[in-house]
C-alpha atoms as a PDB file:
ATOM      1  CA  MET A   1       3.408  22.663 -72.060  1.00  0.00           C
ATOM      2  CA  LEU A   2       6.712  21.645 -70.490  1.00  0.00           C
ATOM      3  CA  THR A   3      10.118  21.017 -72.026  1.00  0.00           C
ATOM      4  CA  ARG A   4      12.143  17.894 -71.209  1.00  0.00           C
ATOM      5  CA  GLN A   5      14.263  19.930 -68.788  1.00  0.00           C
ATOM      6  CA  GLU A   6      11.190  21.343 -67.041  1.00  0.00           C
ATOM      7  CA  VAL A   7       9.709  17.844 -66.669  1.00  0.00           C
ATOM      8  CA  ALA A   8      12.988  16.549 -65.234  1.00  0.00           C
ATOM      9  CA  THR A   9      13.168  19.434 -62.763  1.00  0.00           C
ATOM     10  CA  TYR A  10       9.487  19.147 -61.817  1.00  0.00           C
ATOM     11  CA  LEU A  11       9.738  15.401 -61.156  1.00  0.00           C
ATOM     12  CA  ARG A  12      13.304  15.586 -59.799  1.00  0.00           C
ATOM     13  CA  ILE A  13      14.533  13.008 -62.270  1.00  0.00           C
ATOM     14  CA  SER A  14      17.288  13.038 -64.898  1.00  0.00           C
ATOM     15  CA  LEU A  15      16.883  13.858 -68.579  1.00  0.00           C
ATOM     16  CA  VAL A  16      17.838  10.254 -69.313  1.00  0.00           C
ATOM     17  CA  THR A  17      14.860   9.074 -67.240  1.00  0.00           C
ATOM     18  CA  VAL A  18      12.540  11.489 -69.061  1.00  0.00           C
ATOM     19  CA  SER A  19      13.770  10.085 -72.386  1.00  0.00           C
ATOM     20  CA  SER A  20      13.392   6.501 -71.169  1.00  0.00           C
ATOM     21  CA  TRP A  21       9.854   7.091 -69.899  1.00  0.00           C
ATOM     22  CA  SER A  22       8.996   8.742 -73.197  1.00  0.00           C
ATOM     23  CA  LYS A  23      10.409   5.802 -75.171  1.00  0.00           C
ATOM     24  CA  HIS A  24       8.458   3.275 -73.058  1.00  0.00           C
ATOM     25  CA  GLY A  25       5.176   5.200 -73.282  1.00  0.00           C
ATOM     26  CA  ILE A  26       4.977   6.207 -69.635  1.00  0.00           C
ATOM     27  CA  ILE A  27       4.780   9.846 -70.672  1.00  0.00           C
ATOM     28  CA  ASN A  28       3.804  10.934 -74.166  1.00  0.00           C
ATOM     29  CA  PRO A  29       5.755  13.675 -75.924  1.00  0.00           C
ATOM     30  CA  ILE A  30       4.336  16.151 -78.394  1.00  0.00           C
ATOM     31  CA  ARG A  31       6.677  17.131 -81.208  1.00  0.00           C
ATOM     32  CA  MET A  32       6.456  20.685 -82.498  1.00  0.00           C
ATOM     33  CA  GLY A  33       9.049  21.121 -85.202  1.00  0.00           C
ATOM     34  CA  ASN A  34      12.318  20.111 -83.568  1.00  0.00           C
ATOM     35  CA  ARG A  35      11.011  20.670 -80.026  1.00  0.00           C
ATOM     36  CA  ILE A  36       9.773  17.941 -77.711  1.00  0.00           C
ATOM     37  CA  LEU A  37       7.111  19.080 -75.254  1.00  0.00           C
ATOM     38  CA  PHE A  38       4.893  17.421 -72.669  1.00  0.00           C
ATOM     39  CA  LYS A  39       1.452  18.390 -71.405  1.00  0.00           C
ATOM     40  CA  LYS A  40       1.572  19.211 -67.707  1.00  0.00           C
ATOM     41  CA  GLN A  41      -1.753  17.435 -67.156  1.00  0.00           C
ATOM     42  CA  ASP A  42      -0.296  14.223 -68.643  1.00  0.00           C
ATOM     43  CA  ILE A  43       2.573  14.417 -66.143  1.00  0.00           C
ATOM     44  CA  LEU A  44       0.134  14.948 -63.272  1.00  0.00           C
ATOM     45  CA  ASP A  45      -1.971  11.999 -64.473  1.00  0.00           C
ATOM     46  CA  VAL A  46       1.099   9.730 -64.418  1.00  0.00           C
ATOM     47  CA  LEU A  47       1.874  10.804 -60.853  1.00  0.00           C
ATOM     48  CA  GLU A  48      -1.719  10.197 -59.764  1.00  0.00           C
ATOM     49  CA  LYS A  49      -1.745   6.757 -61.389  1.00  0.00           C
ATOM     50  CA  GLN A  50       1.478   5.822 -59.572  1.00  0.00           C
ATOM     51  CA  SER A  51      -0.013   7.013 -56.286  1.00  0.00           C
ATOM     52  CA  ILE A  52      -3.121   4.883 -56.793  1.00  0.00           C
ATOM     53  CA  ASN A  53      -1.036   1.812 -57.667  1.00  0.00           C
ATOM     54  CA  LYS A  54       1.047   2.217 -54.487  1.00  0.00           C
ATOM     55  CA  LYS A  55      -2.109   2.421 -52.364  1.00  0.00           C
ATOM     56  CA  LYS A  56      -3.472  -0.770 -53.963  1.00  0.00           C
ATOM     57  CA  ARG A  57      -0.244  -2.641 -53.198  1.00  0.00           C
ATOM     58  CA  GLN A  58      -0.374  -1.606 -49.540  1.00  0.00           C
ATOM     59  CA  ILE A  59      -3.837  -3.089 -49.010  1.00  0.00           C
END
């Protein structure tokens, strides 16, 4: 499980981008009490999906 800050650092994006992606359903948060967490595998799946989409556009 990763916090918003850890996701931002891992992906090298801002906290605002993490919040925006969460709001638009690109990444799905898990709420535990007042904490917002993300599954690391979900983050990796998003990156893999983006990589596949870029390869399709190049063909």
